[in-house]
Amino acid sequence: MTGTAEAANPVTGDLHPRRKKLLFRSWHRGMREMDFILGRFADAEIAGLTGDELDQYEKLLDFPDDQFFLLVTGDLPVPAHLECPLLDRILAFGRTSQI
């Protein structure tokens, strides 16, 4: 899978099932603050993520919410195994968003 070729059905505009699943997971985190941050990020960005970025996003969604929130607030340094450009975009989005 690559780029936006599988992002949405050009006729109906429906998201690819993988993207739908990630969108759902983004809005149903278990910590309301992270629902708002990741849910709104996914609403804005999920259709345009590349295949590699989707892989990265899935990995990031497995990171515990309480620690992810501390990454967003800057109270926890980013662990080396999570460092990626997509995380940088999420952190910038989260730091500029109103919760």
Foldseek 3Di string as FASTA:
>chain_A
DWWLPQQADPVPRHGRPLLVVLLVLQLPQPDNLSNVLSNVVSVVPSNGDTPVVSVLSVVVSVPHPVVLVCVLVVVDPDDPVNDDVSSVVSSVSSVPDDD
